[in-house]
Protein backbone atom coordinates (compact mmCIF):
# COMPACT_ATOMS: atom_id res chain seq x y z
CA UNK A 1 -26.05 9.62 13.58
CA UNK A 2 -22.03 9.56 13.08
CA UNK A 3 -20.66 7.17 10.40
CA UNK A 4 -17.77 5.36 10.82
CA UNK A 5 -15.91 3.11 8.53
CA UNK A 6 -12.27 1.20 8.91
CA UNK A 7 -9.44 1.31 6.64
CA UNK A 8 -6.66 -1.20 6.25
CA UNK A 9 -4.59 0.81 8.04
CA UNK A 10 -3.67 0.66 12.22
CA UNK A 11 -2.12 2.91 14.67
CA UNK A 12 -0.02 1.25 17.05
CA UNK A 13 1.62 2.87 19.99
CA UNK A 14 4.52 0.77 22.12
CA UNK A 15 5.84 1.11 25.31
CA UNK A 16 9.13 -0.20 23.88
CA UNK A 17 9.62 -0.71 20.27
CA UNK A 18 11.71 -3.94 20.85
CA UNK A 19 8.77 -6.16 19.23
CA UNK A 20 7.76 -4.12 16.41
CA UNK A 21 9.53 -6.09 13.86
CA UNK A 22 7.77 -9.89 15.63
CA UNK A 23 4.25 -8.20 15.37
CA UNK A 24 5.34 -7.19 11.66
CA UNK A 25 5.52 -10.57 10.86
CA UNK A 26 2.76 -12.41 13.11
CA UNK A 27 -0.16 -10.02 11.67
CA UNK A 28 1.37 -9.20 8.23
CA UNK A 29 1.71 -5.61 8.54
CA UNK A 30 3.59 -2.96 7.17
CA UNK A 31 5.10 0.27 8.46
CA UNK A 32 3.48 3.32 6.54
CA UNK A 33 5.27 5.92 8.70
CA UNK A 34 6.18 6.91 12.17
CA UNK A 35 4.04 9.08 13.87
CA UNK A 36 6.05 9.90 16.67
CA UNK A 37 8.08 8.21 19.10
CA UNK A 38 6.96 4.65 19.67
CA UNK A 39 3.51 5.31 17.42
CA UNK A 40 3.16 4.11 14.18
CA UNK A 41 0.81 4.03 11.40
CA UNK A 42 0.49 0.53 10.02
CA UNK A 43 -1.01 -0.89 6.55
CA UNK A 44 -2.99 -4.18 7.28
CA UNK A 45 -2.80 -6.82 4.43
CA UNK A 46 -6.45 -7.75 4.39
CA UNK A 47 -8.84 -4.85 5.24
CA UNK A 48 -11.49 -7.29 6.64
CA UNK A 49 -9.19 -8.13 9.44
CA UNK A 50 -8.00 -4.55 10.89
CA UNK A 51 -10.52 -4.83 13.82
CA UNK A 52 -9.34 -8.05 14.96
CA UNK A 53 -5.55 -7.47 14.54
CA UNK A 54 -6.03 -4.03 16.16
CA UNK A 55 -8.12 -6.35 19.15
CA UNK A 56 -5.04 -8.98 18.95
CA UNK A 57 -2.14 -6.05 19.39
CA UNK A 58 -3.84 -4.39 22.31
CA UNK A 59 -3.76 -7.57 24.72
CA UNK A 60 0.03 -7.65 23.89
CA UNK A 61 1.49 -6.47 27.22
CA UNK A 62 4.06 -4.07 25.59
CA UNK A 63 1.39 -2.37 23.50
CA UNK A 64 0.04 0.86 24.95
CA UNK A 65 -3.09 1.26 22.34
CA UNK A 66 -3.73 -0.40 19.05
CA UNK A 67 -6.89 0.77 17.21
CA UNK A 68 -7.80 1.18 13.54
CA UNK A 69 -7.44 4.60 11.30
CA UNK A 70 -11.07 5.24 11.46
CA UNK A 71 -12.89 6.80 8.62
CA UNK A 72 -15.59 9.56 9.80
CA UNK A 73 -17.91 10.68 6.85
CA UNK A 74 -17.99 14.71 6.96
CA UNK A 75 -21.03 16.53 7.08
CA UNK A 76 -21.41 19.88 5.55
CA UNK A 77 -22.62 23.06 7.44
């Protein structure tokens, strides 16, 4: 019964941030902000590709995790 949506942002955690610039260029991403050490909130150029890009990033050896910044519908209590 939970409704989730996908935004044009994703969360990426790298084991080593050396390849961040390469991934930004490869997937046409922009850094929205750094959330903590080696964790980034990134903006995707095309919202329709958010899930695909996060999946492809997850396959990279130096990526600890990558997932969309999901939008959850709030319930009133």
